[in-house]
Amino acid sequence: MFKYNIPLPLILFAFLTIKQLIFNNTVEWADNVGISVATFLFYNLWEWTSKSSKKNKDD
């Protein structure tokens, strides 16, 4: 389950890092990692709850 959800936070991390390099000339690594980890956790929670609700509808 987790390996399918990893590309979204990685793409977000790369996007934020490249955007900061181009426009700010500095990269805020802690913020980028924090946002990426929060995205990963939220997306996993979203998938988990949607699968749980589908199981309940099938019963």
Protein backbone atom coordinates (compact mmCIF):
# COMPACT_ATOMS: atom_id res chain seq x y z
CA MET A 1 0.00 0.00 0.00
CA PHE A 2 2.72 2.48 0.94
CA LYS A 3 4.86 2.03 -2.17
CA TYR A 4 2.02 3.24 -4.39
CA ASN A 5 1.63 6.44 -2.36
CA ILE A 6 5.29 7.49 -2.35
CA PRO A 7 5.50 9.24 -5.79
CA LEU A 8 3.09 12.06 -4.86
CA PRO A 9 5.14 13.35 -1.89
CA LEU A 10 8.39 12.90 -3.84
CA ILE A 11 7.07 14.95 -6.74
CA LEU A 12 5.82 17.59 -4.33
CA PHE A 13 9.22 17.70 -2.60
CA ALA A 14 11.03 18.07 -5.92
CA PHE A 15 8.62 20.76 -7.09
CA LEU A 16 8.95 22.80 -3.89
CA THR A 17 12.74 22.49 -3.92
CA ILE A 18 13.09 23.52 -7.56
CA LYS A 19 10.63 26.39 -7.11
CA GLN A 20 12.58 27.70 -4.12
CA LEU A 21 15.89 27.42 -5.98
CA ILE A 22 14.55 29.40 -8.93
CA PHE A 23 12.61 32.12 -7.12
CA ASN A 24 14.20 32.39 -3.64
CA ASN A 25 17.78 31.22 -4.24
CA THR A 26 17.52 29.41 -0.89
CA VAL A 27 15.91 26.11 -0.04
CA GLU A 28 14.03 25.55 3.20
CA TRP A 29 14.71 21.84 3.57
CA ALA A 30 12.81 21.34 6.83
CA ASP A 31 9.65 22.90 5.42
CA ASN A 32 9.85 20.86 2.21
CA VAL A 33 10.38 17.60 4.08
CA GLY A 34 7.61 18.43 6.56
CA ILE A 35 5.11 19.23 3.83
CA SER A 36 6.05 16.07 1.94
CA VAL A 37 5.70 13.86 5.02
CA ALA A 38 2.38 15.49 5.92
CA THR A 39 1.16 14.89 2.36
CA PHE A 40 2.24 11.25 2.55
CA LEU A 41 0.43 10.72 5.87
CA PHE A 42 -2.72 12.53 4.75
CA TYR A 43 -2.86 10.61 1.46
CA ASN A 44 -2.45 7.28 3.28
CA LEU A 45 -5.17 8.24 5.74
CA TRP A 46 -7.43 9.22 2.83
CA GLU A 47 -6.87 5.89 1.05
CA TRP A 48 -7.36 3.92 4.26
CA THR A 49 -10.67 5.61 5.09
CA SER A 50 -11.97 5.25 1.52
CA LYS A 51 -11.20 1.53 1.53
CA SER A 52 -12.87 1.14 4.94
CA SER A 53 -16.02 2.87 3.73
CA LYS A 54 -16.15 0.68 0.61
CA LYS A 55 -15.94 -2.44 2.80
CA ASN A 56 -18.79 -1.18 4.97
CA LYS A 57 -20.99 -0.49 1.92
CA ASP A 58 -20.41 -4.00 0.59
CA ASP A 59 -21.55 -5.65 3.85
